[in-house]
Amino acid sequence: MGTGLRPNYRALRSRSHLFIGYVDFFGDWQMSRPAILTILLLFASLTVSVGERDFRGESEKPQINATGMVYNVVDGDTFKVTDFGSVRLADVDSPEIETPEGEVAKLYTQFHLQGETVYLDVDDRRGTDQYGRWVSVVYIESPSGDVGENFNRMLVDDGFAIVTDYRENEFDPLDWWPSLRQVVIGEVELNPAGDDNEPGGERVKIFNRGDEAVDVGGWTLTTTGGDRVALAIPEGTVIEPAKSRLVTRERRWLDNSEESIVLTTDTNLEVERTPPLSDDDNDGQVWVLTDGDVPKWRYGWP
């Protein structure tokens, strides 16, 4: 089930345009099996094969509660498993099935899961959602017959869903991309000396404290105090290990009192959220996140 929102599914839209082209070519959605096979083979060439994926460092080993074979795919994030029931992928949302993007997302899930064995880590808090579907992180079977890749993450990585963190379940989607935990908002200037409307005066600095470069292009910084402002980081922006990126605006965008700033990826994954910060001094002092096992926010001169 989708969200009704139309976020920037960049990779998904490119695939959906290819899909629509095939529909036009064959003249009707009721295609023959060879036509459908042709489309699915196209997906195989557009996505990373299971053997080539790298999911190193996923935070915890999954707790498998059930296993079975997928026999019916309803849409991109919902399907049915033998001897178990209907499964809803936890914390991800594919587009509505009525949209071209939704049709393509369903095909993607069919290609990877239809007739295949899956392993389910079912939510320990609620189990099922309001529609009776088992909320789960789903793992596909590896070539050796063991628990393989996290399909929830695959769906997002390949552009067929966004992250929607439903806090009532046990899962934290950030665990699926553990290297992103090293990307932090490390410095905030809410109230620079002089006029806050001066270009580049109010600023936020993002640090990469990990040992791998991170592409933050398309990510968003969003304010929560006063007038809500969302600033997109330019495409192609990469933060190297132990480096930072300064984000500014041509005019005022940060509140001086109780301002919290949220950093999200282009797939809607919340990576970082500062506590409410205040600065009434108008003198160049900034908020800085200290290093250490338990980082703390400190206010003072940079």
C-alpha atoms as a PDB file:
ATOM      1  CA  MET A   1       0.000   0.000   0.000  1.00  0.00           C
ATOM      2  CA  GLY A   2       1.401   3.386  -0.965  1.00  0.00           C
ATOM      3  CA  THR A   3       1.203   6.693   0.811  1.00  0.00           C
ATOM      4  CA  GLY A   4      -0.579   8.899  -1.677  1.00  0.00           C
ATOM      5  CA  LEU A   5       2.471  11.166  -1.715  1.00  0.00           C
ATOM      6  CA  ARG A   6       4.510  11.659  -4.856  1.00  0.00           C
ATOM      7  CA  PRO A   7       8.086  12.000  -3.609  1.00  0.00           C
ATOM      8  CA  ASN A   8      11.131  12.198  -5.832  1.00  0.00           C
ATOM      9  CA  TYR A   9      11.474   8.566  -6.857  1.00  0.00           C
ATOM     10  CA  ARG A  10      14.314   9.423  -9.234  1.00  0.00           C
ATOM     11  CA  ALA A  11      15.388   5.906 -10.131  1.00  0.00           C
ATOM     12  CA  LEU A  12      11.804   4.686 -10.066  1.00  0.00           C
ATOM     13  CA  ARG A  13      10.603   7.257 -12.566  1.00  0.00           C
ATOM     14  CA  SER A  14      13.308   6.313 -15.045  1.00  0.00           C
ATOM     15  CA  ARG A  15      12.258   2.674 -14.764  1.00  0.00           C
ATOM     16  CA  SER A  16       8.558   3.539 -15.007  1.00  0.00           C
ATOM     17  CA  HIS A  17       9.166   5.432 -18.241  1.00  0.00           C
ATOM     18  CA  LEU A  18      10.785   2.330 -19.669  1.00  0.00           C
ATOM     19  CA  PHE A  19       7.842   0.293 -18.431  1.00  0.00           C
ATOM     20  CA  ILE A  20       5.327   2.653 -20.023  1.00  0.00           C
ATOM     21  CA  GLY A  21       7.260   2.410 -23.272  1.00  0.00           C
ATOM     22  CA  TYR A  22       6.845  -1.346 -23.221  1.00  0.00           C
ATOM     23  CA  VAL A  23       3.129  -1.003 -22.528  1.00  0.00           C
ATOM     24  CA  ASP A  24       2.768   1.333 -25.506  1.00  0.00           C
ATOM     25  CA  PHE A  25       4.768  -1.028 -27.682  1.00  0.00           C
ATOM     26  CA  PHE A  26       2.646  -4.033 -26.840  1.00  0.00           C
ATOM     27  CA  GLY A  27      -0.509  -1.939 -27.002  1.00  0.00           C
ATOM     28  CA  ASP A  28      -2.221  -3.158 -23.854  1.00  0.00           C
ATOM     29  CA  TRP A  29      -1.550  -3.934 -20.216  1.00  0.00           C
ATOM     30  CA  GLN A  30      -2.876  -7.479 -20.712  1.00  0.00           C
ATOM     31  CA  MET A  31       0.431  -8.642 -22.128  1.00  0.00           C
ATOM     32  CA  SER A  32       1.519 -12.117 -23.008  1.00  0.00           C
ATOM     33  CA  ARG A  33       3.919 -14.008 -20.784  1.00  0.00           C
ATOM     34  CA  PRO A  34       6.829 -13.415 -23.214  1.00  0.00           C
ATOM     35  CA  ALA A  35       6.154  -9.673 -23.054  1.00  0.00           C
ATOM     36  CA  ILE A  36       6.103  -9.678 -19.258  1.00  0.00           C
ATOM     37  CA  LEU A  37       9.260 -11.788 -19.229  1.00  0.00           C
ATOM     38  CA  THR A  38      10.933  -9.228 -21.477  1.00  0.00           C
ATOM     39  CA  ILE A  39      10.128  -6.453 -18.987  1.00  0.00           C
ATOM     40  CA  LEU A  40      11.347  -8.478 -16.044  1.00  0.00           C
ATOM     41  CA  LEU A  41      14.588  -9.264 -17.841  1.00  0.00           C
ATOM     42  CA  LEU A  42      14.960  -5.536 -18.362  1.00  0.00           C
ATOM     43  CA  PHE A  43      14.673  -5.064 -14.607  1.00  0.00           C
ATOM     44  CA  ALA A  44      17.388  -7.657 -14.143  1.00  0.00           C
ATOM     45  CA  SER A  45      19.721  -5.504 -16.218  1.00  0.00           C
ATOM     46  CA  LEU A  46      18.776  -2.325 -14.330  1.00  0.00           C
ATOM     47  CA  THR A  47      19.209  -3.590 -10.785  1.00  0.00           C
ATOM     48  CA  VAL A  48      22.183  -4.996  -8.940  1.00  0.00           C
ATOM     49  CA  SER A  49      22.223  -8.760  -8.826  1.00  0.00           C
ATOM     50  CA  VAL A  50      21.887 -10.485  -5.469  1.00  0.00           C
ATOM     51  CA  GLY A  51      25.416 -11.807  -5.622  1.00  0.00           C
ATOM     52  CA  GLU A  52      26.880  -8.338  -6.218  1.00  0.00           C
ATOM     53  CA  ARG A  53      25.159  -6.513  -3.379  1.00  0.00           C
ATOM     54  CA  ASP A  54      27.127  -5.359  -0.386  1.00  0.00           C
ATOM     55  CA  PHE A  55      25.233  -5.142   2.905  1.00  0.00           C
ATOM     56  CA  ARG A  56      28.261  -5.109   5.176  1.00  0.00           C
ATOM     57  CA  GLY A  57      27.761  -3.996   8.741  1.00  0.00           C
ATOM     58  CA  GLU A  58      23.980  -4.169   9.062  1.00  0.00           C
ATOM     59  CA  SER A  59      23.572  -3.448  12.736  1.00  0.00           C
ATOM     60  CA  GLU A  60      22.112  -6.683  14.081  1.00  0.00           C
ATOM     61  CA  LYS A  61      21.501 -10.191  12.837  1.00  0.00           C
ATOM     62  CA  PRO A  62      17.804 -10.629  12.057  1.00  0.00           C
ATOM     63  CA  GLN A  63      15.512 -12.501  14.388  1.00  0.00           C
ATOM     64  CA  ILE A  64      13.665 -14.822  12.010  1.00  0.00           C
ATOM     65  CA  ASN A  65      10.141 -15.654  13.162  1.00  0.00           C
ATOM     66  CA  ALA A  66       8.772 -17.351  10.068  1.00  0.00           C
ATOM     67  CA  THR A  67       9.650 -18.526   6.588  1.00  0.00           C
ATOM     68  CA  GLY A  68       7.655 -19.463   3.510  1.00  0.00           C
ATOM     69  CA  MET A  69       7.197 -19.024  -0.211  1.00  0.00           C
ATOM     70  CA  VAL A  70       5.725 -15.891  -1.777  1.00  0.00           C
ATOM     71  CA  TYR A  71       2.739 -16.892  -3.897  1.00  0.00           C
ATOM     72  CA  ASN A  72       0.959 -13.591  -4.540  1.00  0.00           C
ATOM     73  CA  VAL A  73       2.382 -10.077  -4.852  1.00  0.00           C
ATOM     74  CA  VAL A  74      -0.279  -7.439  -4.169  1.00  0.00           C
ATOM     75  CA  ASP A  75       1.897  -4.360  -4.766  1.00  0.00           C
ATOM     76  CA  GLY A  76       5.448  -3.214  -4.250  1.00  0.00           C
ATOM     77  CA  ASP A  77       5.414  -3.532  -0.466  1.00  0.00           C
ATOM     78  CA  THR A  78       2.719  -6.163   0.200  1.00  0.00           C
ATOM     79  CA  PHE A  79       2.547  -9.868  -0.662  1.00  0.00           C
ATOM     80  CA  LYS A  80       1.278 -13.217   0.616  1.00  0.00           C
ATOM     81  CA  VAL A  81       3.373 -16.059   1.990  1.00  0.00           C
ATOM     82  CA  THR A  82       2.367 -19.720   2.123  1.00  0.00           C
ATOM     83  CA  ASP A  83       1.198 -21.034   5.495  1.00  0.00           C
ATOM     84  CA  PHE A  84       1.602 -17.592   7.022  1.00  0.00           C
ATOM     85  CA  GLY A  85      -0.554 -14.884   5.488  1.00  0.00           C
ATOM     86  CA  SER A  86      -0.303 -11.341   4.164  1.00  0.00           C
ATOM     87  CA  VAL A  87       2.982  -9.493   4.769  1.00  0.00           C
ATOM     88  CA  ARG A  88       3.541  -5.724   4.775  1.00  0.00           C
ATOM     89  CA  LEU A  89       7.145  -4.566   4.499  1.00  0.00           C
ATOM     90  CA  ALA A  90       8.039  -2.557   7.596  1.00  0.00           C
ATOM     91  CA  ASP A  91       8.898   1.134   7.318  1.00  0.00           C
ATOM     92  CA  VAL A  92       8.922   1.436   3.525  1.00  0.00           C
ATOM     93  CA  ASP A  93       6.270   2.727   1.147  1.00  0.00           C
ATOM     94  CA  SER A  94       5.990   1.995  -2.557  1.00  0.00           C
ATOM     95  CA  PRO A  95       3.860   4.256  -4.777  1.00  0.00           C
ATOM     96  CA  GLU A  96       0.130   3.610  -5.082  1.00  0.00           C
ATOM     97  CA  ILE A  97      -0.635   0.640  -7.303  1.00  0.00           C
ATOM     98  CA  GLU A  98      -2.923   2.831  -9.457  1.00  0.00           C
ATOM     99  CA  THR A  99       0.086   4.860 -10.647  1.00  0.00           C
ATOM    100  CA  PRO A 100       2.637   3.836 -13.315  1.00  0.00           C
ATOM    101  CA  GLU A 101       5.327   3.927 -10.631  1.00  0.00           C
ATOM    102  CA  GLY A 102       3.233   1.607  -8.484  1.00  0.00           C
ATOM    103  CA  GLU A 103       2.839  -0.895 -11.311  1.00  0.00           C
ATOM    104  CA  VAL A 104       6.584  -0.943 -11.833  1.00  0.00           C
ATOM    105  CA  ALA A 105       7.269  -1.374  -8.104  1.00  0.00           C
ATOM    106  CA  LYS A 106       4.933  -4.378  -8.088  1.00  0.00           C
ATOM    107  CA  LEU A 107       6.785  -5.876 -11.036  1.00  0.00           C
ATOM    108  CA  TYR A 108      10.080  -5.388  -9.226  1.00  0.00           C
ATOM    109  CA  THR A 109       8.800  -7.245  -6.165  1.00  0.00           C
ATOM    110  CA  GLN A 110       7.345  -9.997  -8.345  1.00  0.00           C
ATOM    111  CA  PHE A 111      10.647 -10.383 -10.130  1.00  0.00           C
ATOM    112  CA  HIS A 112      12.579 -10.840  -6.886  1.00  0.00           C
ATOM    113  CA  LEU A 113      10.063 -12.632  -4.654  1.00  0.00           C
ATOM    114  CA  GLN A 114       7.334 -14.448  -6.625  1.00  0.00           C
ATOM    115  CA  GLY A 115       7.769 -18.182  -6.006  1.00  0.00           C
ATOM    116  CA  GLU A 116      10.828 -17.594  -3.809  1.00  0.00           C
ATOM    117  CA  THR A 117      11.525 -18.466  -0.187  1.00  0.00           C
ATOM    118  CA  VAL A 118      11.631 -15.529   2.212  1.00  0.00           C
ATOM    119  CA  TYR A 119      12.613 -15.170   5.859  1.00  0.00           C
ATOM    120  CA  LEU A 120      10.527 -12.880   8.059  1.00  0.00           C
ATOM    121  CA  ASP A 121      11.551 -10.795  11.049  1.00  0.00           C
ATOM    122  CA  VAL A 122       8.072  -9.931  12.336  1.00  0.00           C
ATOM    123  CA  ASP A 123       7.415  -6.877  14.481  1.00  0.00           C
ATOM    124  CA  ASP A 124       7.486  -7.915  18.153  1.00  0.00           C
ATOM    125  CA  ARG A 125       5.392  -4.995  19.367  1.00  0.00           C
ATOM    126  CA  ARG A 126       2.195  -5.199  17.366  1.00  0.00           C
ATOM    127  CA  GLY A 127       2.646  -8.037  14.907  1.00  0.00           C
ATOM    128  CA  THR A 128       0.011  -6.986  12.398  1.00  0.00           C
ATOM    129  CA  ASP A 129      -1.184  -3.632  11.091  1.00  0.00           C
ATOM    130  CA  GLN A 130      -4.782  -2.373  10.955  1.00  0.00           C
ATOM    131  CA  TYR A 131      -5.398  -4.492   7.842  1.00  0.00           C
ATOM    132  CA  GLY A 132      -4.215  -7.723   9.456  1.00  0.00           C
ATOM    133  CA  ARG A 133      -0.926  -7.843   7.540  1.00  0.00           C
ATOM    134  CA  TRP A 134       2.212  -9.037   9.311  1.00  0.00           C
ATOM    135  CA  VAL A 135       4.608  -6.074   9.558  1.00  0.00           C
ATOM    136  CA  SER A 136       8.042  -7.484   8.788  1.00  0.00           C
ATOM    137  CA  VAL A 137      11.564  -6.975   7.630  1.00  0.00           C
ATOM    138  CA  VAL A 138      11.911  -9.519   4.850  1.00  0.00           C
ATOM    139  CA  TYR A 139      15.081 -11.321   3.843  1.00  0.00           C
ATOM    140  CA  ILE A 140      15.487 -13.194   0.599  1.00  0.00           C
ATOM    141  CA  GLU A 141      17.187 -16.559   0.437  1.00  0.00           C
ATOM    142  CA  SER A 142      20.878 -16.512  -0.406  1.00  0.00           C
ATOM    143  CA  PRO A 143      22.354 -18.777  -3.115  1.00  0.00           C
ATOM    144  CA  SER A 144      23.598 -21.067  -0.321  1.00  0.00           C
ATOM    145  CA  GLY A 145      20.097 -21.400   1.133  1.00  0.00           C
ATOM    146  CA  ASP A 146      20.698 -19.152   4.132  1.00  0.00           C
ATOM    147  CA  VAL A 147      19.195 -15.818   5.168  1.00  0.00           C
ATOM    148  CA  GLY A 148      20.244 -13.318   2.513  1.00  0.00           C
ATOM    149  CA  GLU A 149      19.685  -9.652   1.717  1.00  0.00           C
ATOM    150  CA  ASN A 150      17.234  -7.325   3.404  1.00  0.00           C
ATOM    151  CA  PHE A 151      14.499  -6.839   0.806  1.00  0.00           C
ATOM    152  CA  ASN A 152      13.091  -3.743   2.529  1.00  0.00           C
ATOM    153  CA  ARG A 153      16.421  -2.047   1.926  1.00  0.00           C
ATOM    154  CA  MET A 154      16.712  -3.434  -1.619  1.00  0.00           C
ATOM    155  CA  LEU A 155      13.360  -1.884  -2.537  1.00  0.00           C
ATOM    156  CA  VAL A 156      14.555   1.533  -1.359  1.00  0.00           C
ATOM    157  CA  ASP A 157      18.086   1.269  -2.770  1.00  0.00           C
ATOM    158  CA  ASP A 158      16.778   0.408  -6.232  1.00  0.00           C
ATOM    159  CA  GLY A 159      14.313   3.298  -6.226  1.00  0.00           C
ATOM    160  CA  PHE A 160      10.991   1.507  -5.772  1.00  0.00           C
ATOM    161  CA  ALA A 161      10.071   2.822  -2.318  1.00  0.00           C
ATOM    162  CA  ILE A 162      10.868   5.505   0.216  1.00  0.00           C
ATOM    163  CA  VAL A 163      11.430   5.105   3.934  1.00  0.00           C
ATOM    164  CA  THR A 164       8.534   5.872   6.273  1.00  0.00           C
ATOM    165  CA  ASP A 165       9.552   5.182   9.856  1.00  0.00           C
ATOM    166  CA  TYR A 166       6.406   4.040  11.649  1.00  0.00           C
ATOM    167  CA  ARG A 167       7.584   4.516  15.220  1.00  0.00           C
ATOM    168  CA  GLU A 168       5.057   2.106  16.710  1.00  0.00           C
ATOM    169  CA  ASN A 169       6.985  -0.931  15.481  1.00  0.00           C
ATOM    170  CA  GLU A 170      10.293  -2.287  16.775  1.00  0.00           C
ATOM    171  CA  PHE A 171      12.360  -1.479  13.696  1.00  0.00           C
ATOM    172  CA  ASP A 172      14.725   1.424  13.056  1.00  0.00           C
ATOM    173  CA  PRO A 173      15.340   1.748   9.304  1.00  0.00           C
ATOM    174  CA  LEU A 174      18.645   3.490   9.961  1.00  0.00           C
ATOM    175  CA  ASP A 175      19.935   0.089  11.111  1.00  0.00           C
ATOM    176  CA  TRP A 176      19.744  -1.037   7.482  1.00  0.00           C
ATOM    177  CA  TRP A 177      22.281   1.623   6.442  1.00  0.00           C
ATOM    178  CA  PRO A 178      24.638   1.638   9.461  1.00  0.00           C
ATOM    179  CA  SER A 179      27.352   3.681   7.711  1.00  0.00           C
ATOM    180  CA  LEU A 180      24.938   6.626   7.616  1.00  0.00           C
ATOM    181  CA  ARG A 181      25.013   6.815  11.412  1.00  0.00           C
ATOM    182  CA  GLN A 182      28.437   8.383  10.976  1.00  0.00           C
ATOM    183  CA  VAL A 183      26.917  11.367   9.149  1.00  0.00           C
ATOM    184  CA  VAL A 184      26.014  13.964  11.764  1.00  0.00           C
ATOM    185  CA  ILE A 185      24.991  17.578  12.088  1.00  0.00           C
ATOM    186  CA  GLY A 186      28.065  18.802  13.950  1.00  0.00           C
ATOM    187  CA  GLU A 187      27.826  22.603  14.042  1.00  0.00           C
ATOM    188  CA  VAL A 188      24.929  25.081  14.009  1.00  0.00           C
ATOM    189  CA  GLU A 189      25.035  28.885  13.852  1.00  0.00           C
ATOM    190  CA  LEU A 190      21.538  30.138  14.668  1.00  0.00           C
ATOM    191  CA  ASN A 191      22.294  33.776  15.384  1.00  0.00           C
ATOM    192  CA  PRO A 192      25.416  35.153  13.667  1.00  0.00           C
ATOM    193  CA  ALA A 193      26.818  38.555  14.522  1.00  0.00           C
ATOM    194  CA  GLY A 194      25.049  41.300  12.586  1.00  0.00           C
ATOM    195  CA  ASP A 195      22.041  40.840  10.338  1.00  0.00           C
ATOM    196  CA  ASP A 196      20.657  37.284  10.220  1.00  0.00           C
ATOM    197  CA  ASN A 197      19.513  37.943   6.639  1.00  0.00           C
ATOM    198  CA  GLU A 198      23.078  38.298   5.397  1.00  0.00           C
ATOM    199  CA  PRO A 199      23.821  35.531   2.847  1.00  0.00           C
ATOM    200  CA  GLY A 200      25.591  32.591   4.452  1.00  0.00           C
ATOM    201  CA  GLY A 201      25.310  33.953   7.981  1.00  0.00           C
ATOM    202  CA  GLU A 202      23.097  31.263   9.463  1.00  0.00           C
ATOM    203  CA  ARG A 203      24.661  27.919   8.730  1.00  0.00           C
ATOM    204  CA  VAL A 204      24.724  24.207   9.469  1.00  0.00           C
ATOM    205  CA  LYS A 205      27.772  21.996   9.074  1.00  0.00           C
ATOM    206  CA  ILE A 206      27.412  18.280   8.315  1.00  0.00           C
ATOM    207  CA  PHE A 207      30.301  15.971   9.252  1.00  0.00           C
ATOM    208  CA  ASN A 208      31.233  12.515   8.019  1.00  0.00           C
ATOM    209  CA  ARG A 209      32.801  10.754  11.008  1.00  0.00           C
ATOM    210  CA  GLY A 210      33.010   7.410   9.242  1.00  0.00           C
ATOM    211  CA  ASP A 211      35.696   5.818   7.104  1.00  0.00           C
ATOM    212  CA  GLU A 212      33.725   5.777   3.836  1.00  0.00           C
ATOM    213  CA  ALA A 213      32.739   8.642   1.539  1.00  0.00           C
ATOM    214  CA  VAL A 214      28.994   9.382   1.622  1.00  0.00           C
ATOM    215  CA  ASP A 215      26.974  10.867  -1.234  1.00  0.00           C
ATOM    216  CA  VAL A 216      24.578  13.357   0.362  1.00  0.00           C
ATOM    217  CA  GLY A 217      23.294  14.822  -2.894  1.00  0.00           C
ATOM    218  CA  GLY A 218      19.547  15.295  -2.775  1.00  0.00           C
ATOM    219  CA  TRP A 219      19.436  15.059   1.018  1.00  0.00           C
ATOM    220  CA  THR A 220      17.423  17.682   2.884  1.00  0.00           C
ATOM    221  CA  LEU A 221      17.916  19.829   5.972  1.00  0.00           C
ATOM    222  CA  THR A 222      14.565  20.788   7.468  1.00  0.00           C
ATOM    223  CA  THR A 223      13.906  23.222  10.300  1.00  0.00           C
ATOM    224  CA  THR A 224      11.160  22.581  12.839  1.00  0.00           C
ATOM    225  CA  GLY A 225      10.924  25.881  14.720  1.00  0.00           C
ATOM    226  CA  GLY A 226       8.870  28.822  13.467  1.00  0.00           C
ATOM    227  CA  ASP A 227       8.537  28.875   9.694  1.00  0.00           C
ATOM    228  CA  ARG A 228       9.458  25.451   8.368  1.00  0.00           C
ATOM    229  CA  VAL A 229      12.276  25.613   5.813  1.00  0.00           C
ATOM    230  CA  ALA A 230      13.659  22.714   3.778  1.00  0.00           C
ATOM    231  CA  LEU A 231      17.019  23.093   2.050  1.00  0.00           C
ATOM    232  CA  ALA A 232      18.097  20.487  -0.501  1.00  0.00           C
ATOM    233  CA  ILE A 233      21.785  19.639  -0.747  1.00  0.00           C
ATOM    234  CA  PRO A 234      22.948  19.840  -4.392  1.00  0.00           C
ATOM    235  CA  GLU A 235      23.155  16.631  -6.389  1.00  0.00           C
ATOM    236  CA  GLY A 236      26.612  15.143  -6.576  1.00  0.00           C
ATOM    237  CA  THR A 237      27.685  16.378  -3.146  1.00  0.00           C
ATOM    238  CA  VAL A 238      30.014  13.827  -1.560  1.00  0.00           C
ATOM    239  CA  ILE A 239      31.484  14.141   1.934  1.00  0.00           C
ATOM    240  CA  GLU A 240      34.784  12.326   2.251  1.00  0.00           C
ATOM    241  CA  PRO A 241      35.792  10.598   5.519  1.00  0.00           C
ATOM    242  CA  ALA A 242      36.678  13.061   8.291  1.00  0.00           C
ATOM    243  CA  LYS A 243      35.419  15.964   6.160  1.00  0.00           C
ATOM    244  CA  SER A 244      32.402  18.260   6.396  1.00  0.00           C
ATOM    245  CA  ARG A 245      29.942  20.165   4.239  1.00  0.00           C
ATOM    246  CA  LEU A 246      28.631  23.642   5.052  1.00  0.00           C
ATOM    247  CA  VAL A 247      24.969  24.360   4.232  1.00  0.00           C
ATOM    248  CA  THR A 248      23.812  27.967   4.074  1.00  0.00           C
ATOM    249  CA  ARG A 249      21.044  30.090   2.572  1.00  0.00           C
ATOM    250  CA  GLU A 250      20.890  33.506   0.966  1.00  0.00           C
ATOM    251  CA  ARG A 251      18.683  34.810   3.779  1.00  0.00           C
ATOM    252  CA  ARG A 252      17.502  33.974   7.301  1.00  0.00           C
ATOM    253  CA  TRP A 253      16.231  30.392   7.780  1.00  0.00           C
ATOM    254  CA  LEU A 254      17.006  29.324  11.368  1.00  0.00           C
ATOM    255  CA  ASP A 255      15.050  30.376  14.457  1.00  0.00           C
ATOM    256  CA  ASN A 256      17.028  31.698  17.416  1.00  0.00           C
ATOM    257  CA  SER A 257      14.942  29.819  19.962  1.00  0.00           C
ATOM    258  CA  GLU A 258      14.159  26.118  20.339  1.00  0.00           C
ATOM    259  CA  GLU A 259      15.269  25.271  16.799  1.00  0.00           C
ATOM    260  CA  SER A 260      15.679  21.609  15.873  1.00  0.00           C
ATOM    261  CA  ILE A 261      17.133  20.599  12.508  1.00  0.00           C
ATOM    262  CA  VAL A 262      16.455  17.300  10.747  1.00  0.00           C
ATOM    263  CA  LEU A 263      18.682  15.673   8.129  1.00  0.00           C
ATOM    264  CA  THR A 264      16.967  13.222   5.770  1.00  0.00           C
ATOM    265  CA  THR A 265      18.162  11.311   2.719  1.00  0.00           C
ATOM    266  CA  ASP A 266      16.584  11.534  -0.729  1.00  0.00           C
ATOM    267  CA  THR A 267      14.646   8.371   0.196  1.00  0.00           C
ATOM    268  CA  ASN A 268      13.097  10.045   3.279  1.00  0.00           C
ATOM    269  CA  LEU A 269      15.326   8.251   5.803  1.00  0.00           C
ATOM    270  CA  GLU A 270      15.921  10.401   8.871  1.00  0.00           C
ATOM    271  CA  VAL A 271      19.647  10.299   9.553  1.00  0.00           C
ATOM    272  CA  GLU A 272      20.016  12.975  12.226  1.00  0.00           C
ATOM    273  CA  ARG A 273      17.913  15.309  14.381  1.00  0.00           C
ATOM    274  CA  THR A 274      19.392  17.900  16.686  1.00  0.00           C
ATOM    275  CA  PRO A 275      17.862  18.643  20.076  1.00  0.00           C
ATOM    276  CA  PRO A 276      16.119  22.036  20.369  1.00  0.00           C
ATOM    277  CA  LEU A 277      18.861  24.680  20.297  1.00  0.00           C
ATOM    278  CA  SER A 278      18.719  28.387  21.232  1.00  0.00           C
ATOM    279  CA  ASP A 279      21.066  31.324  20.674  1.00  0.00           C
ATOM    280  CA  ASP A 280      20.177  34.866  21.787  1.00  0.00           C
ATOM    281  CA  ASP A 281      23.692  36.323  21.804  1.00  0.00           C
ATOM    282  CA  ASN A 282      24.095  37.592  18.223  1.00  0.00           C
ATOM    283  CA  ASP A 283      27.859  37.394  18.563  1.00  0.00           C
ATOM    284  CA  GLY A 284      29.227  34.468  16.533  1.00  0.00           C
ATOM    285  CA  GLN A 285      29.052  31.734  19.154  1.00  0.00           C
ATOM    286  CA  VAL A 286      27.833  28.420  17.767  1.00  0.00           C
ATOM    287  CA  TRP A 287      26.502  25.052  18.849  1.00  0.00           C
ATOM    288  CA  VAL A 288      29.029  22.226  18.336  1.00  0.00           C
ATOM    289  CA  LEU A 289      28.564  18.470  18.720  1.00  0.00           C
ATOM    290  CA  THR A 290      31.561  17.147  20.646  1.00  0.00           C
ATOM    291  CA  ASP A 291      33.444  13.965  19.788  1.00  0.00           C
ATOM    292  CA  GLY A 292      33.519  11.037  22.144  1.00  0.00           C
ATOM    293  CA  ASP A 293      31.637   7.878  23.008  1.00  0.00           C
ATOM    294  CA  VAL A 294      28.655   9.989  24.108  1.00  0.00           C
ATOM    295  CA  PRO A 295      28.642  13.148  21.942  1.00  0.00           C
ATOM    296  CA  LYS A 296      27.160  16.229  23.592  1.00  0.00           C
ATOM    297  CA  TRP A 297      26.097  19.616  22.279  1.00  0.00           C
ATOM    298  CA  ARG A 298      28.232  22.510  23.514  1.00  0.00           C
ATOM    299  CA  TYR A 299      27.559  26.224  23.040  1.00  0.00           C
ATOM    300  CA  GLY A 300      30.522  28.562  22.663  1.00  0.00           C
ATOM    301  CA  TRP A 301      33.152  29.986  20.348  1.00  0.00           C
ATOM    302  CA  PRO A 302      34.137  27.755  17.399  1.00  0.00           C
END
